[in-house]
């Protein structure tokens, strides 16, 4: 297994940036496309943990239309092979 293959890291970074843009701009259609519609989908926030797409989707859909103003700090991407990646990020 190749860890952090440059092409896979680049693909993951592009998907992460697309997702971040969708979250910030309140683009529910893109967010729904990128979040897996499955019970194993998780979303961690500062004050809560959401488990399952049926829980995470309504949360994002109810967000105010203005979106989510924020700036990211450090983002770390680790890939395992070409089909598994973990992305962690901080806010400034």
N, C-alpha and C. Protein backbone atom coordinates (compact mmCIF):
# COMPACT_ATOMS: atom_id res chain seq x y z
N UNK A 1 0.85 -1.18 0.00
CA UNK A 1 0.00 0.00 0.00
C UNK A 1 0.90 1.24 0.00
N UNK A 2 0.55 2.18 -0.84
CA UNK A 2 1.30 3.43 -0.90
C UNK A 2 0.60 4.47 -0.01
N UNK A 3 1.35 5.04 0.91
CA UNK A 3 0.84 6.10 1.77
C UNK A 3 1.28 7.44 1.16
N UNK A 4 0.31 8.34 0.99
CA UNK A 4 0.55 9.69 0.49
C UNK A 4 1.11 9.73 -0.93
N UNK A 5 0.55 8.91 -1.81
CA UNK A 5 0.87 9.01 -3.23
C UNK A 5 0.52 10.43 -3.68
N UNK A 6 1.43 11.15 -4.32
CA UNK A 6 1.18 12.55 -4.68
C UNK A 6 -0.10 12.78 -5.50
N UNK A 7 -0.40 11.88 -6.43
CA UNK A 7 -1.61 12.05 -7.24
C UNK A 7 -2.87 11.88 -6.39
N UNK A 8 -2.84 10.93 -5.47
CA UNK A 8 -4.00 10.71 -4.61
C UNK A 8 -4.17 11.85 -3.62
N UNK A 9 -3.06 12.37 -3.10
CA UNK A 9 -3.13 13.53 -2.21
C UNK A 9 -3.71 14.73 -2.96
N UNK A 10 -3.27 14.96 -4.19
CA UNK A 10 -3.79 16.08 -4.99
C UNK A 10 -5.28 15.93 -5.26
N UNK A 11 -5.71 14.72 -5.59
CA UNK A 11 -7.14 14.47 -5.83
C UNK A 11 -7.95 14.70 -4.56
N UNK A 12 -7.42 14.26 -3.43
CA UNK A 12 -8.10 14.44 -2.15
C UNK A 12 -8.16 15.92 -1.79
N UNK A 13 -7.06 16.65 -2.00
CA UNK A 13 -7.05 18.08 -1.70
C UNK A 13 -8.10 18.82 -2.54
N UNK A 14 -8.22 18.47 -3.81
CA UNK A 14 -9.21 19.10 -4.69
C UNK A 14 -10.63 18.83 -4.19
N UNK A 15 -10.90 17.59 -3.77
CA UNK A 15 -12.23 17.26 -3.24
C UNK A 15 -12.48 18.00 -1.93
N UNK A 16 -11.47 18.07 -1.06
CA UNK A 16 -11.61 18.79 0.21
C UNK A 16 -11.91 20.27 -0.05
N UNK A 17 -11.16 20.89 -0.96
CA UNK A 17 -11.38 22.31 -1.26
C UNK A 17 -12.77 22.55 -1.86
N UNK A 18 -13.23 21.62 -2.69
CA UNK A 18 -14.58 21.73 -3.25
C UNK A 18 -15.64 21.62 -2.14
N UNK A 19 -15.42 20.70 -1.22
CA UNK A 19 -16.34 20.53 -0.10
C UNK A 19 -16.33 21.77 0.79
N UNK A 20 -15.15 22.28 1.09
CA UNK A 20 -15.05 23.48 1.93
C UNK A 20 -15.78 24.66 1.28
N UNK A 21 -15.60 24.81 -0.02
CA UNK A 21 -16.29 25.89 -0.73
C UNK A 21 -17.80 25.71 -0.63
N UNK A 22 -18.28 24.47 -0.76
CA UNK A 22 -19.71 24.20 -0.66
C UNK A 22 -20.23 24.50 0.74
N UNK A 23 -19.44 24.16 1.77
CA UNK A 23 -19.86 24.45 3.14
C UNK A 23 -19.92 25.95 3.40
N UNK A 24 -18.91 26.67 2.94
CA UNK A 24 -18.83 28.11 3.18
C UNK A 24 -19.92 28.86 2.42
N UNK A 25 -20.20 28.42 1.20
CA UNK A 25 -21.18 29.13 0.35
C UNK A 25 -22.60 28.57 0.47
N UNK A 26 -22.78 27.57 1.35
CA UNK A 26 -24.10 26.95 1.55
C UNK A 26 -24.62 26.29 0.28
N UNK A 27 -23.76 25.61 -0.44
CA UNK A 27 -24.15 24.89 -1.65
C UNK A 27 -24.53 23.47 -1.25
N UNK A 28 -25.79 23.31 -0.88
CA UNK A 28 -26.28 22.04 -0.35
C UNK A 28 -26.16 20.92 -1.39
N UNK A 29 -26.41 21.23 -2.66
CA UNK A 29 -26.34 20.19 -3.69
C UNK A 29 -24.94 19.60 -3.80
N UNK A 30 -23.92 20.44 -3.80
CA UNK A 30 -22.55 19.93 -3.89
C UNK A 30 -22.19 19.19 -2.61
N UNK A 31 -22.57 19.74 -1.47
CA UNK A 31 -22.27 19.07 -0.21
C UNK A 31 -22.91 17.68 -0.16
N UNK A 32 -24.15 17.59 -0.59
CA UNK A 32 -24.82 16.29 -0.60
C UNK A 32 -24.15 15.32 -1.56
N UNK A 33 -23.62 15.84 -2.65
CA UNK A 33 -22.90 14.99 -3.61
C UNK A 33 -21.62 14.43 -2.98
N UNK A 34 -20.95 15.22 -2.17
CA UNK A 34 -19.65 14.83 -1.63
C UNK A 34 -19.73 14.03 -0.34
N UNK A 35 -20.78 14.21 0.44
CA UNK A 35 -20.94 13.44 1.68
C UNK A 35 -21.60 12.11 1.34
N UNK A 36 -21.04 11.04 1.83
CA UNK A 36 -21.57 9.72 1.54
C UNK A 36 -22.92 9.52 2.22
N UNK A 37 -23.90 9.08 1.45
CA UNK A 37 -25.24 8.82 1.97
C UNK A 37 -25.23 7.43 2.64
N UNK A 38 -24.75 7.42 3.90
CA UNK A 38 -24.58 6.15 4.60
C UNK A 38 -24.58 6.41 6.11
N UNK A 39 -24.91 5.41 6.86
CA UNK A 39 -24.93 5.52 8.31
C UNK A 39 -23.56 5.73 8.93
N UNK A 40 -22.49 5.44 8.19
CA UNK A 40 -21.14 5.62 8.74
C UNK A 40 -20.58 7.02 8.51
N UNK A 41 -21.33 7.89 7.87
CA UNK A 41 -20.87 9.28 7.67
C UNK A 41 -20.83 9.99 9.01
N UNK A 42 -19.71 10.66 9.28
CA UNK A 42 -19.57 11.40 10.53
C UNK A 42 -19.17 12.83 10.22
N UNK A 43 -19.57 13.73 11.12
CA UNK A 43 -19.19 15.12 11.01
C UNK A 43 -18.93 15.63 12.43
N UNK A 44 -17.73 16.10 12.64
CA UNK A 44 -17.37 16.61 13.95
C UNK A 44 -17.31 18.13 13.89
N UNK A 45 -17.91 18.75 14.88
CA UNK A 45 -17.89 20.21 15.01
C UNK A 45 -17.36 20.53 16.39
N UNK A 46 -17.17 21.81 16.67
CA UNK A 46 -16.59 22.22 17.95
C UNK A 46 -17.40 21.71 19.13
N UNK A 47 -18.71 21.70 19.03
CA UNK A 47 -19.54 21.37 20.18
C UNK A 47 -20.42 20.14 19.97
N UNK A 48 -20.21 19.40 18.88
CA UNK A 48 -21.09 18.26 18.64
C UNK A 48 -20.45 17.26 17.68
N UNK A 49 -20.96 16.07 17.73
CA UNK A 49 -20.57 15.02 16.80
C UNK A 49 -21.86 14.50 16.16
N UNK A 50 -21.87 14.45 14.85
CA UNK A 50 -23.05 13.98 14.13
C UNK A 50 -22.69 12.68 13.43
N UNK A 51 -23.55 11.67 13.56
CA UNK A 51 -23.29 10.37 12.99
C UNK A 51 -24.42 9.96 12.06
N UNK A 52 -24.08 9.59 10.85
CA UNK A 52 -25.05 9.15 9.86
C UNK A 52 -25.50 10.27 8.95
N UNK A 53 -25.60 9.98 7.66
CA UNK A 53 -26.00 10.98 6.68
C UNK A 53 -27.38 11.55 6.99
N UNK A 54 -28.28 10.72 7.51
CA UNK A 54 -29.63 11.22 7.82
C UNK A 54 -29.60 12.28 8.92
N UNK A 55 -28.53 12.32 9.71
CA UNK A 55 -28.37 13.34 10.75
C UNK A 55 -27.57 14.53 10.23
N UNK A 56 -26.50 14.25 9.47
CA UNK A 56 -25.63 15.33 9.00
C UNK A 56 -26.30 16.16 7.91
N UNK A 57 -27.09 15.55 7.05
CA UNK A 57 -27.70 16.29 5.95
C UNK A 57 -28.66 17.38 6.43
N UNK A 58 -29.60 17.09 7.30
CA UNK A 58 -30.50 18.16 7.75
C UNK A 58 -29.76 19.31 8.43
N UNK A 59 -28.69 19.00 9.15
CA UNK A 59 -27.93 20.05 9.82
C UNK A 59 -27.42 21.05 8.78
N UNK A 60 -26.81 20.55 7.73
CA UNK A 60 -26.26 21.44 6.71
C UNK A 60 -27.34 22.16 5.93
N UNK A 61 -28.45 21.50 5.67
CA UNK A 61 -29.53 22.12 4.91
C UNK A 61 -30.20 23.25 5.68
N UNK A 62 -30.16 23.20 7.00
CA UNK A 62 -30.80 24.23 7.82
C UNK A 62 -29.90 25.44 8.08
N UNK A 63 -28.64 25.34 7.70
CA UNK A 63 -27.71 26.45 7.92
C UNK A 63 -28.23 27.70 7.20
N UNK A 64 -28.01 28.83 7.77
CA UNK A 64 -28.45 30.09 7.16
C UNK A 64 -27.90 30.20 5.74
N UNK A 65 -28.69 30.72 4.80
CA UNK A 65 -28.26 30.82 3.40
C UNK A 65 -26.97 31.61 3.20
N UNK A 66 -26.60 32.45 4.15
CA UNK A 66 -25.36 33.22 3.98
C UNK A 66 -24.12 32.33 4.02
N UNK A 67 -24.27 31.12 4.46
CA UNK A 67 -23.14 30.22 4.49
C UNK A 67 -22.38 30.29 5.81
N UNK A 68 -21.14 29.89 5.75
CA UNK A 68 -20.33 29.74 6.95
C UNK A 68 -19.02 30.51 6.77
N UNK A 69 -18.95 31.73 7.26
CA UNK A 69 -17.69 32.47 7.10
C UNK A 69 -16.62 31.92 8.04
N UNK A 70 -15.49 31.51 7.49
CA UNK A 70 -14.40 31.01 8.32
C UNK A 70 -13.13 30.96 7.49
N UNK A 71 -12.03 30.94 8.19
CA UNK A 71 -10.73 30.78 7.56
C UNK A 71 -10.07 29.54 8.13
N UNK A 72 -9.50 28.75 7.25
CA UNK A 72 -8.84 27.53 7.70
C UNK A 72 -7.40 27.82 8.07
N UNK A 73 -6.91 27.07 9.05
CA UNK A 73 -5.50 27.14 9.43
C UNK A 73 -4.75 26.02 8.74
N UNK A 74 -4.25 25.09 9.50
CA UNK A 74 -3.47 23.97 8.97
C UNK A 74 -4.40 22.86 8.51
N UNK A 75 -4.12 22.32 7.34
CA UNK A 75 -4.86 21.17 6.81
C UNK A 75 -3.86 20.05 6.54
N UNK A 76 -4.16 18.88 7.06
CA UNK A 76 -3.30 17.71 6.88
C UNK A 76 -4.08 16.63 6.15
N UNK A 77 -3.48 16.08 5.11
CA UNK A 77 -4.10 15.02 4.32
C UNK A 77 -3.18 13.80 4.36
N UNK A 78 -3.75 12.64 4.68
CA UNK A 78 -3.03 11.39 4.64
C UNK A 78 -3.85 10.43 3.80
N UNK A 79 -3.22 9.84 2.80
CA UNK A 79 -3.92 8.88 1.95
C UNK A 79 -3.31 7.49 2.12
N UNK A 80 -4.16 6.49 1.97
CA UNK A 80 -3.75 5.09 2.09
C UNK A 80 -4.21 4.39 0.82
N UNK A 81 -3.28 4.04 -0.04
CA UNK A 81 -3.65 3.51 -1.34
C UNK A 81 -4.30 4.62 -2.15
N UNK A 82 -5.19 4.24 -3.05
CA UNK A 82 -5.85 5.25 -3.88
C UNK A 82 -7.35 5.38 -3.58
N UNK A 83 -7.78 4.77 -2.45
CA UNK A 83 -9.23 4.83 -2.17
C UNK A 83 -9.57 5.18 -0.72
N UNK A 84 -8.59 5.58 0.08
CA UNK A 84 -8.87 5.96 1.46
C UNK A 84 -8.02 7.16 1.83
N UNK A 85 -8.68 8.19 2.38
CA UNK A 85 -7.96 9.39 2.79
C UNK A 85 -8.58 9.92 4.07
N UNK A 86 -7.75 10.57 4.87
CA UNK A 86 -8.20 11.26 6.07
C UNK A 86 -7.73 12.70 5.97
N UNK A 87 -8.64 13.64 6.20
CA UNK A 87 -8.31 15.05 6.15
C UNK A 87 -8.68 15.67 7.49
N UNK A 88 -7.74 16.36 8.08
CA UNK A 88 -8.00 17.10 9.31
C UNK A 88 -7.60 18.55 9.08
N UNK A 89 -8.38 19.45 9.62
CA UNK A 89 -8.07 20.88 9.43
C UNK A 89 -8.39 21.65 10.68
N UNK A 90 -7.76 22.79 10.83
CA UNK A 90 -8.04 23.69 11.95
C UNK A 90 -8.55 25.00 11.38
N UNK A 91 -9.20 25.76 12.24
CA UNK A 91 -9.64 27.10 11.86
C UNK A 91 -8.78 28.12 12.56
N UNK A 92 -8.59 29.25 11.91
CA UNK A 92 -7.81 30.31 12.53
C UNK A 92 -8.69 31.23 13.33
